[in-house]
């Protein structure tokens, strides 16, 4: 039996007219208007100057710098300039922020409105940490998962797991689930506290046997170079969709917790039935530790030593002491980070383990975040229909005027048709983005680490770009808060 392969649709490149974006259309209009203005002025010299200027504007609008067209740099450049003028790119919290300890969570930027509440877990033993965002009207929770040796399993067993996970993803597109976004977050960092040795001490009762002694020696030798891996499944629920149930339960934070935990318990049951082992939803203290250790990586060993069911960390520790957004990096507490946007996934057919080279890279501290927005059937159909009409219209116009139809546009049209057929057959549809946040102690180490990660991405046929001017928003995608997708615009979902 041949191992199944998968193909990702190309990223949409259509604009307001064909592939011409709004900024490029404005540049074309300006490029025509300038020579016309020169004609009206009646001067050959002025006409020539304005003609050259108009041509240069049009030419520059179709140039790419750093993977983006010139017009696409307007938003990050304007944001960086506005941030510099207002000095809002620099954040001071904890002891440096007056009155910051009065808040439950002291986070920078547009995360300032996020607060954490505690809800009882259905098992009756633990509490569940819920991050409530009043601005975006969401409540978020994070589920810690466990690894499985799926690469060692038979192909049929692997395919069965993938089919079960596909069913879980499709179930999340139902509006009754109230799931507005979900996130798969993979974190890799040096195992300074030697979690493997702790696992050995907890799971091996008879340590005098020869196999146990050999395992202990192996774990001890690997400790200096050991890597620690964590995988979280983060889900954000829409408070507006839950408003009726919350109001019926009292309308306060306790009601939010009760209603949200009911949905989370059902989701965890589905994930467990899909043969994905989980360790449970993060408690408020554990949730805060995960967020803060992303801002302050040096604090991770301390949290490992202090965290226990009897010693919950205060959620106020989630925020950083200081951060600073720069053009290409994001400085935070004990480290500096740079976030890459993976704007093109493999366009060739790949196997289920295609991401393994990036996940197995052991010399770089990094976070890989896949953020997805499940769409109900009506919105999915509108979005796919818009893609199909845009690509098909571009092909028709080029054929009508005798122009060459490029292969990418044909691929986009075929991908839209395939998605339309899958939705008609009952498949779920999600919007998604993938980000890789690389973290290091110094800017020089970060530069080398980013280069190494981008080489790995190229190896697995992914295209990436550094989020210049948007590094704070990029870093937020590495937090278990399901951030990283811009809202859909218009009725067509473009």
Protein backbone atom coordinates (compact mmCIF):
# COMPACT_ATOMS: atom_id res chain seq x y z
CA UNK A 1 0.00 0.00 0.00
CA UNK A 2 1.47 3.33 -1.10
CA UNK A 3 1.87 6.01 1.53
CA UNK A 4 -0.71 8.77 0.92
CA UNK A 5 0.50 12.17 -0.19
CA UNK A 6 -0.95 15.62 0.30
CA UNK A 7 -0.95 18.85 -1.66
CA UNK A 8 -1.47 22.41 -0.40
CA UNK A 9 -3.28 24.96 -2.56
CA UNK A 10 -1.21 27.98 -3.66
CA UNK A 11 -1.67 31.21 -1.78
CA UNK A 12 -4.13 33.53 -3.45
CA UNK A 13 -2.54 36.31 -5.52
CA UNK A 14 -5.62 37.96 -7.01
CA UNK A 15 -6.27 41.65 -6.40
CA UNK A 16 -9.06 44.09 -7.16
CA UNK A 17 -8.63 43.53 -10.91
CA UNK A 18 -6.96 40.26 -11.83
CA UNK A 19 -3.70 40.15 -9.89
CA UNK A 20 -3.43 43.92 -9.61
CA UNK A 21 -3.76 45.08 -6.01
CA UNK A 22 -5.41 48.28 -4.87
CA UNK A 23 -2.03 49.96 -4.31
CA UNK A 24 -0.84 48.96 -7.78
CA UNK A 25 -4.08 50.20 -9.31
CA UNK A 26 -3.59 53.55 -7.57
CA UNK A 27 -0.02 53.67 -8.91
CA UNK A 28 -1.26 53.01 -12.46
CA UNK A 29 -3.87 55.76 -12.19
CA UNK A 30 -1.23 58.14 -10.85
CA UNK A 31 1.19 57.08 -13.60
CA UNK A 32 -1.41 58.04 -16.22
CA UNK A 33 -2.50 61.22 -14.46
CA UNK A 34 1.00 62.72 -14.20
CA UNK A 35 1.74 62.77 -17.98
CA UNK A 36 -1.79 64.04 -18.62
CA UNK A 37 -1.09 66.88 -16.20
CA UNK A 38 2.10 67.64 -18.13
CA UNK A 39 0.13 67.86 -21.37
CA UNK A 40 -2.32 70.28 -19.77
CA UNK A 41 0.54 72.50 -18.62
CA UNK A 42 1.81 72.81 -22.21
CA UNK A 43 5.51 72.38 -21.40
CA UNK A 44 7.59 69.68 -23.07
CA UNK A 45 10.08 69.64 -20.19
CA UNK A 46 7.37 69.29 -17.56
CA UNK A 47 5.65 66.61 -19.63
CA UNK A 48 8.88 64.62 -19.95
CA UNK A 49 9.63 64.88 -16.23
CA UNK A 50 6.11 63.83 -15.24
CA UNK A 51 6.13 61.01 -17.80
CA UNK A 52 9.33 59.61 -16.31
CA UNK A 53 7.97 60.07 -12.79
CA UNK A 54 4.72 58.31 -13.66
CA UNK A 55 6.55 55.44 -15.31
CA UNK A 56 8.86 55.10 -12.30
CA UNK A 57 5.89 54.99 -9.91
CA UNK A 58 4.23 52.21 -11.91
CA UNK A 59 7.50 50.31 -12.24
CA UNK A 60 8.30 50.53 -8.52
CA UNK A 61 4.77 49.42 -7.58
CA UNK A 62 5.42 46.05 -9.25
CA UNK A 63 8.84 45.54 -7.66
CA UNK A 64 9.31 43.10 -4.79
CA UNK A 65 11.51 43.83 -1.79
CA UNK A 66 11.86 41.22 0.93
CA UNK A 67 9.11 39.10 -0.62
CA UNK A 68 6.54 41.92 -0.75
CA UNK A 69 5.46 44.48 -3.32
CA UNK A 70 6.32 48.08 -2.51
CA UNK A 71 2.68 48.90 -1.75
CA UNK A 72 2.46 46.04 0.73
CA UNK A 73 5.13 47.73 2.84
CA UNK A 74 2.89 50.75 3.46
CA UNK A 75 1.08 49.25 6.44
CA UNK A 76 4.10 47.91 8.41
CA UNK A 77 6.14 51.03 7.60
CA UNK A 78 3.34 53.36 8.70
CA UNK A 79 2.78 51.28 11.82
CA UNK A 80 6.47 51.36 12.71
CA UNK A 81 6.61 55.13 12.15
CA UNK A 82 3.51 55.74 14.25
CA UNK A 83 4.88 53.49 16.97
CA UNK A 84 8.18 55.39 16.95
CA UNK A 85 6.43 58.75 17.20
CA UNK A 86 4.25 57.59 20.10
CA UNK A 87 7.02 55.51 21.69
CA UNK A 88 4.51 52.68 21.95
CA UNK A 89 7.00 50.11 20.68
CA UNK A 90 8.69 50.10 24.09
CA UNK A 91 6.86 48.38 26.94
CA UNK A 92 7.68 48.35 30.63
CA UNK A 93 5.84 46.06 33.02
CA UNK A 94 6.29 44.29 36.35
CA UNK A 95 8.36 46.48 38.68
CA UNK A 96 8.93 49.02 35.88
CA UNK A 97 5.21 49.62 35.29
CA UNK A 98 3.44 51.68 37.95
CA UNK A 99 0.46 49.76 39.28
CA UNK A 100 1.05 46.82 36.95
CA UNK A 101 0.74 44.28 39.76
CA UNK A 102 -2.87 45.36 40.22
CA UNK A 103 -3.76 43.59 36.97
CA UNK A 104 -4.32 39.87 36.62
CA UNK A 105 -2.17 39.74 33.48
CA UNK A 106 0.21 42.49 32.48
CA UNK A 107 0.84 41.98 28.75
CA UNK A 108 2.16 44.40 26.10
CA UNK A 109 0.48 45.86 23.03
CA UNK A 110 -2.99 44.78 22.07
CA UNK A 111 -2.75 41.91 24.56
CA UNK A 112 -3.25 44.39 27.38
CA UNK A 113 -6.97 43.64 27.46
CA UNK A 114 -6.47 39.92 28.07
CA UNK A 115 -7.25 38.67 31.58
CA UNK A 116 -7.26 35.20 33.07
CA UNK A 117 -10.06 33.54 34.98
CA UNK A 118 -10.10 30.19 36.74
CA UNK A 119 -12.79 27.57 36.15
CA UNK A 120 -13.38 24.17 37.78
CA UNK A 121 -12.27 21.17 35.77
CA UNK A 122 -14.91 18.45 35.30
CA UNK A 123 -12.54 15.95 36.94
CA UNK A 124 -13.01 17.81 40.22
CA UNK A 125 -9.28 17.89 41.01
CA UNK A 126 -7.78 20.74 38.97
CA UNK A 127 -8.67 24.18 37.68
CA UNK A 128 -8.70 25.33 34.06
CA UNK A 129 -7.08 28.62 33.05
CA UNK A 130 -9.16 30.71 30.63
CA UNK A 131 -7.83 33.84 28.92
CA UNK A 132 -10.69 36.27 28.29
CA UNK A 133 -10.20 38.93 25.60
CA UNK A 134 -12.93 41.55 25.93
CA UNK A 135 -11.79 43.39 22.79
CA UNK A 136 -11.95 40.44 20.39
CA UNK A 137 -14.73 38.77 22.41
CA UNK A 138 -13.00 35.42 22.86
CA UNK A 139 -12.15 33.03 25.69
CA UNK A 140 -9.07 30.87 25.12
CA UNK A 141 -7.75 27.67 26.70
CA UNK A 142 -4.69 25.51 26.00
CA UNK A 143 -4.53 21.71 26.00
CA UNK A 144 -1.15 20.06 26.64
CA UNK A 145 -0.66 16.98 24.47
CA UNK A 146 1.74 14.05 24.63
CA UNK A 147 3.94 12.70 21.88
CA UNK A 148 3.35 9.34 20.21
CA UNK A 149 5.76 7.24 18.09
CA UNK A 150 3.62 7.67 14.98
CA UNK A 151 6.65 7.47 12.65
CA UNK A 152 7.22 3.90 13.88
CA UNK A 153 3.67 2.78 13.20
CA UNK A 154 2.35 0.98 10.16
CA UNK A 155 1.05 3.10 7.29
CA UNK A 156 -2.52 1.94 7.94
CA UNK A 157 -2.28 2.98 11.59
CA UNK A 158 -0.85 6.37 10.64
CA UNK A 159 -3.61 6.93 8.11
CA UNK A 160 -6.21 5.97 10.70
CA UNK A 161 -4.87 8.61 13.09
CA UNK A 162 -4.89 11.24 10.35
CA UNK A 163 -8.47 10.37 9.38
CA UNK A 164 -9.56 10.66 13.01
CA UNK A 165 -7.87 14.05 13.34
CA UNK A 166 -9.50 15.19 10.09
CA UNK A 167 -12.88 14.32 11.59
CA UNK A 168 -12.08 16.44 14.66
CA UNK A 169 -11.11 19.41 12.48
CA UNK A 170 -14.29 19.09 10.43
CA UNK A 171 -16.40 18.98 13.59
CA UNK A 172 -14.93 22.33 14.66
CA UNK A 173 -16.45 24.05 11.60
CA UNK A 174 -19.91 23.60 13.11
CA UNK A 175 -21.22 26.92 14.43
CA UNK A 176 -22.64 25.18 17.52
CA UNK A 177 -19.10 24.54 18.78
CA UNK A 178 -18.55 28.33 19.05
CA UNK A 179 -14.89 27.80 18.05
CA UNK A 180 -13.61 30.88 16.29
CA UNK A 181 -9.95 29.83 16.04
CA UNK A 182 -7.64 27.01 17.00
CA UNK A 183 -3.88 26.77 17.15
CA UNK A 184 -1.25 24.05 17.14
CA UNK A 185 1.80 25.38 18.98
CA UNK A 186 5.08 23.48 19.00
CA UNK A 187 7.85 24.75 21.29
CA UNK A 188 11.43 23.48 21.30
CA UNK A 189 14.07 24.65 23.78
CA UNK A 190 17.14 23.33 25.61
CA UNK A 191 16.18 20.87 28.34
CA UNK A 192 18.09 22.63 31.10
CA UNK A 193 16.19 20.81 33.86
CA UNK A 194 16.62 17.41 32.15
CA UNK A 195 12.98 16.41 31.86
CA UNK A 196 14.07 13.08 30.37
CA UNK A 197 15.86 12.18 33.59
CA UNK A 198 12.80 13.19 35.61
CA UNK A 199 10.66 10.99 33.37
CA UNK A 200 13.09 8.12 34.03
CA UNK A 201 12.87 8.62 37.79
CA UNK A 202 9.07 8.71 37.70
CA UNK A 203 8.49 5.74 35.38
CA UNK A 204 11.28 3.24 36.16
CA UNK A 205 10.64 1.57 39.54
CA UNK A 206 13.44 -1.02 39.43
CA UNK A 207 16.61 0.90 38.60
CA UNK A 208 19.08 -1.88 39.43
CA UNK A 209 18.37 -3.97 36.35
CA UNK A 210 20.82 -3.85 33.46
CA UNK A 211 18.36 -2.20 31.00
CA UNK A 212 17.48 0.45 33.58
CA UNK A 213 21.16 1.21 34.23
CA UNK A 214 21.86 1.47 30.50
CA UNK A 215 18.90 3.84 30.06
CA UNK A 216 20.07 5.99 32.98
CA UNK A 217 23.56 6.26 31.48
CA UNK A 218 22.12 7.19 28.09
CA UNK A 219 19.89 9.88 29.59
CA UNK A 220 22.77 11.33 31.63
CA UNK A 221 25.09 11.53 28.61
CA UNK A 222 22.43 13.20 26.47
CA UNK A 223 21.54 15.82 29.08
CA UNK A 224 23.94 18.59 27.90
CA UNK A 225 22.47 18.57 24.37
CA UNK A 226 18.94 17.42 25.12
CA UNK A 227 16.01 19.31 23.64
CA UNK A 228 12.63 19.76 25.24
CA UNK A 229 9.52 19.68 23.08
CA UNK A 230 6.02 20.82 24.00
CA UNK A 231 2.90 20.70 21.84
CA UNK A 232 -0.22 22.65 22.77
CA UNK A 233 -3.64 22.62 21.17
CA UNK A 234 -5.16 26.05 21.78
CA UNK A 235 -8.81 26.83 21.14
CA UNK A 236 -10.56 30.21 21.19
CA UNK A 237 -14.33 30.29 21.76
CA UNK A 238 -16.55 33.13 20.56
CA UNK A 239 -18.17 34.88 23.53
CA UNK A 240 -20.92 36.29 21.32
CA UNK A 241 -22.02 32.79 20.25
CA UNK A 242 -21.97 31.70 23.89
CA UNK A 243 -23.79 34.83 25.12
CA UNK A 244 -27.14 33.09 25.58
CA UNK A 245 -25.74 30.23 27.67
CA UNK A 246 -23.55 32.61 29.69
CA UNK A 247 -26.49 34.88 30.46
CA UNK A 248 -28.61 31.90 31.52
CA UNK A 249 -25.82 30.79 33.89
CA UNK A 250 -25.48 34.16 35.60
CA UNK A 251 -23.59 36.37 33.16
CA UNK A 252 -20.42 36.73 35.25
CA UNK A 253 -16.91 35.23 35.04
CA UNK A 254 -18.07 32.09 36.81
CA UNK A 255 -20.74 31.63 34.13
CA UNK A 256 -18.14 32.10 31.39
CA UNK A 257 -16.03 29.42 33.04
CA UNK A 258 -18.88 26.93 33.36
CA UNK A 259 -20.06 27.34 29.77
CA UNK A 260 -16.54 27.32 28.29
CA UNK A 261 -15.43 24.25 30.25
CA UNK A 262 -18.49 22.33 29.02
CA UNK A 263 -17.42 22.96 25.42
CA UNK A 264 -13.78 22.17 26.23
CA UNK A 265 -14.69 18.86 27.88
CA UNK A 266 -16.59 17.75 24.76
CA UNK A 267 -13.68 18.79 22.54
CA UNK A 268 -11.19 16.90 24.71
CA UNK A 269 -13.36 13.81 24.46
CA UNK A 270 -13.27 14.00 20.65
CA UNK A 271 -9.50 14.47 20.64
CA UNK A 272 -9.01 11.50 22.97
CA UNK A 273 -11.25 9.34 20.78
CA UNK A 274 -9.02 10.35 17.86
CA UNK A 275 -6.18 8.54 19.69
CA UNK A 276 -4.29 11.72 20.52
CA UNK A 277 -2.98 11.43 24.11
CA UNK A 278 -3.43 14.58 26.18
CA UNK A 279 -2.38 15.66 29.67
CA UNK A 280 -5.24 18.07 30.22
CA UNK A 281 -6.13 21.74 29.96
CA UNK A 282 -3.57 24.09 31.48
CA UNK A 283 -4.27 25.39 34.95
CA UNK A 284 -4.07 29.18 35.50
CA UNK A 285 -0.57 28.90 36.98
CA UNK A 286 0.74 26.60 34.25
CA UNK A 287 -0.84 28.79 31.57
CA UNK A 288 0.86 31.87 33.02
CA UNK A 289 4.19 30.03 33.19
CA UNK A 290 4.00 29.03 29.51
CA UNK A 291 3.29 32.62 28.45
CA UNK A 292 5.97 34.14 30.66
CA UNK A 293 8.63 31.59 29.73
CA UNK A 294 8.15 32.64 26.11
CA UNK A 295 8.94 36.23 27.08
CA UNK A 296 11.67 35.20 29.54
CA UNK A 297 13.24 31.88 28.45
CA UNK A 298 15.71 31.96 31.34
CA UNK A 299 12.80 31.61 33.79
CA UNK A 300 11.77 28.18 32.48
CA UNK A 301 14.04 26.11 34.80
CA UNK A 302 12.74 28.08 37.80
CA UNK A 303 9.12 27.36 36.85
CA UNK A 304 9.94 23.67 36.42
CA UNK A 305 11.27 23.55 39.96
CA UNK A 306 8.47 25.59 41.52
CA UNK A 307 5.40 24.35 39.67
CA UNK A 308 3.35 21.66 41.34
CA UNK A 309 -0.33 21.02 42.07
CA UNK A 310 0.19 22.48 45.55
CA UNK A 311 2.07 25.57 44.39
CA UNK A 312 0.20 27.49 41.70
CA UNK A 313 1.97 30.39 40.04
CA UNK A 314 0.24 33.74 40.15
CA UNK A 315 -1.20 34.63 36.69
CA UNK A 316 0.21 38.14 37.18
CA UNK A 317 3.64 36.68 36.37
CA UNK A 318 2.56 36.03 32.78
CA UNK A 319 3.65 39.44 31.51
CA UNK A 320 7.23 40.47 30.68
CA UNK A 321 9.31 43.05 32.51
CA UNK A 322 10.27 44.86 29.31
CA UNK A 323 9.86 44.52 25.56
CA UNK A 324 10.90 46.58 22.56
CA UNK A 325 9.73 46.21 18.99
CA UNK A 326 12.39 46.87 16.39
CA UNK A 327 12.20 46.68 12.61
CA UNK A 328 13.43 43.11 12.28
CA UNK A 329 13.52 41.74 15.84
CA UNK A 330 11.55 41.77 19.08
CA UNK A 331 13.48 42.24 22.32
CA UNK A 332 11.93 40.75 25.43
CA UNK A 333 13.36 40.18 28.90
CA UNK A 334 16.21 37.64 28.61
CA UNK A 335 16.19 37.05 24.84
CA UNK A 336 15.58 38.45 21.38
CA UNK A 337 13.29 36.90 18.76
CA UNK A 338 12.45 37.14 15.09
CA UNK A 339 9.28 35.73 13.54
CA UNK A 340 8.99 34.26 10.05
CA UNK A 341 5.74 34.02 8.16
CA UNK A 342 5.56 30.83 6.07
CA UNK A 343 3.57 32.35 3.22
CA UNK A 344 3.82 29.35 0.88
CA UNK A 345 3.48 25.72 1.97
CA UNK A 346 4.75 22.94 -0.32
CA UNK A 347 3.09 23.12 -3.72
CA UNK A 348 4.28 19.64 -4.64
CA UNK A 349 2.82 16.49 -3.20
CA UNK A 350 4.33 15.63 0.19
CA UNK A 351 4.03 12.82 2.71
CA UNK A 352 2.42 13.17 6.13
CA UNK A 353 5.86 13.59 7.74
CA UNK A 354 6.91 16.48 5.49
CA UNK A 355 7.40 18.83 8.47
CA UNK A 356 9.81 16.46 10.27
CA UNK A 357 13.08 18.21 9.24
CA UNK A 358 11.87 21.44 10.83
CA UNK A 359 10.50 19.76 13.95
CA UNK A 360 13.67 17.72 14.47
CA UNK A 361 16.08 20.63 14.20
CA UNK A 362 17.84 20.42 17.56
CA UNK A 363 20.19 23.40 17.67
CA UNK A 364 17.66 26.26 17.62
CA UNK A 365 15.14 27.49 20.17
CA UNK A 366 11.95 28.01 18.20
CA UNK A 367 8.16 28.00 18.27
CA UNK A 368 6.09 26.79 15.33
CA UNK A 369 2.52 28.02 15.28
CA UNK A 370 -0.27 26.95 12.96
CA UNK A 371 -3.32 29.17 13.47
CA UNK A 372 -6.59 28.18 11.80
CA UNK A 373 -10.07 29.66 11.58
CA UNK A 374 -12.79 27.08 10.90
CA UNK A 375 -15.46 28.45 8.58
CA UNK A 376 -19.11 27.37 8.48
CA UNK A 377 -20.42 26.05 5.19
CA UNK A 378 -21.97 29.31 3.96
CA UNK A 379 -18.81 31.38 4.54
CA UNK A 380 -16.62 28.63 3.12
CA UNK A 381 -18.69 28.46 -0.06
CA UNK A 382 -18.53 32.24 -0.51
CA UNK A 383 -14.78 32.31 0.04
CA UNK A 384 -14.06 29.47 -2.37
CA UNK A 385 -16.48 30.87 -4.96
CA UNK A 386 -14.69 34.20 -4.76
CA UNK A 387 -11.34 32.49 -5.34
CA UNK A 388 -12.75 30.54 -8.28
CA UNK A 389 -14.29 33.62 -9.91
CA UNK A 390 -11.15 35.71 -9.42
CA UNK A 391 -8.79 33.11 -10.90
CA UNK A 392 -11.25 32.17 -13.66
CA UNK A 393 -11.83 35.82 -14.53
CA UNK A 394 -8.10 36.43 -14.83
CA UNK A 395 -7.73 33.44 -17.16
CA UNK A 396 -10.69 34.59 -19.29
CA UNK A 397 -9.41 38.16 -19.65
CA UNK A 398 -5.92 37.03 -20.62
CA UNK A 399 -7.25 34.57 -23.17
CA UNK A 400 -9.62 37.20 -24.57
CA UNK A 401 -6.77 39.66 -25.16
CA UNK A 402 -4.34 37.04 -26.45
CA UNK A 403 -2.07 37.13 -23.40
CA UNK A 404 -0.18 34.20 -21.96
CA UNK A 405 -1.95 32.56 -19.03
CA UNK A 406 0.62 31.80 -16.33
CA UNK A 407 0.66 28.40 -14.68
CA UNK A 408 0.19 29.80 -11.16
CA UNK A 409 -3.19 31.30 -12.07
CA UNK A 410 -4.24 27.97 -13.58
CA UNK A 411 -3.15 26.20 -10.39
CA UNK A 412 -5.14 28.66 -8.28
CA UNK A 413 -8.24 28.03 -10.41
CA UNK A 414 -7.82 24.26 -10.18
CA UNK A 415 -7.28 24.46 -6.41
CA UNK A 416 -10.45 26.53 -6.00
CA UNK A 417 -12.42 23.99 -8.05
CA UNK A 418 -11.04 21.14 -5.96
CA UNK A 419 -11.98 22.93 -2.73
CA UNK A 420 -15.47 23.60 -4.10
CA UNK A 421 -15.92 19.90 -4.84
CA UNK A 422 -14.66 18.88 -1.39
CA UNK A 423 -17.03 21.30 0.37
CA UNK A 424 -19.91 19.98 -1.75
CA UNK A 425 -19.00 16.49 -0.53
CA UNK A 426 -19.20 17.63 3.10
CA UNK A 427 -15.56 18.42 3.90
CA UNK A 428 -14.66 21.18 6.35
CA UNK A 429 -12.85 24.35 5.36
CA UNK A 430 -10.38 26.44 7.36
CA UNK A 431 -8.26 29.53 6.82
CA UNK A 432 -4.78 29.09 8.22
CA UNK A 433 -1.37 30.70 8.59
CA UNK A 434 1.93 29.27 9.78
CA UNK A 435 4.61 31.15 11.71
CA UNK A 436 8.04 30.26 13.08
CA UNK A 437 9.43 32.35 15.95
CA UNK A 438 13.18 31.94 16.46
CA UNK A 439 14.65 32.97 19.82
CA UNK A 440 18.27 33.47 20.90
CA UNK A 441 20.25 35.20 23.62
CA UNK A 442 22.00 37.74 21.38
CA UNK A 443 21.28 39.37 17.98
CA UNK A 444 24.26 37.60 16.40
CA UNK A 445 23.08 34.19 17.57
CA UNK A 446 19.59 35.09 16.37
CA UNK A 447 20.85 35.98 12.90
CA UNK A 448 22.54 32.58 12.54
CA UNK A 449 19.51 30.76 13.94
CA UNK A 450 17.09 32.50 11.55
CA UNK A 451 19.33 31.59 8.62
CA UNK A 452 19.39 27.95 9.74
CA UNK A 453 15.61 27.81 10.11
CA UNK A 454 15.01 29.40 6.71
CA UNK A 455 17.29 26.81 5.14
CA UNK A 456 15.21 24.07 6.74
CA UNK A 457 12.04 25.69 5.43
CA UNK A 458 13.52 25.81 1.93
CA UNK A 459 14.47 22.16 2.26
CA UNK A 460 10.84 21.19 2.89
CA UNK A 461 9.74 23.43 -0.02
CA UNK A 462 8.25 26.22 2.08
CA UNK A 463 8.68 29.92 1.32
CA UNK A 464 9.11 32.31 4.24
CA UNK A 465 9.69 35.97 4.95
CA UNK A 466 10.72 37.93 8.01
CA UNK A 467 7.83 40.04 9.33
CA UNK A 468 9.71 43.33 9.19
CA UNK A 469 7.91 46.11 11.02
CA UNK A 470 5.44 43.64 12.57
CA UNK A 471 7.67 41.68 14.92
CA UNK A 472 5.50 42.30 17.97
CA UNK A 473 2.45 40.83 16.24
CA UNK A 474 4.60 38.02 14.94
CA UNK A 475 5.89 37.19 18.41
CA UNK A 476 2.34 37.07 19.76
CA UNK A 477 1.70 34.11 17.42
CA UNK A 478 4.18 32.10 19.52
CA UNK A 479 1.97 32.51 22.60
CA UNK A 480 -0.83 30.01 23.33
CA UNK A 481 -3.51 32.61 22.56
CA UNK A 482 -4.54 31.62 18.99
CA UNK A 483 -3.26 34.87 17.45
CA UNK A 484 -2.04 35.36 13.89
CA UNK A 485 -4.96 35.64 11.44
CA UNK A 486 -6.31 38.91 10.11
CA UNK A 487 -10.11 39.15 9.97
CA UNK A 488 -11.90 38.26 6.75
CA UNK A 489 -12.94 41.34 4.79
CA UNK A 490 -16.23 41.69 2.99
CA UNK A 491 -19.02 39.22 2.35
CA UNK A 492 -16.94 37.17 -0.04
CA UNK A 493 -14.28 36.35 2.52
CA UNK A 494 -11.31 37.90 0.78
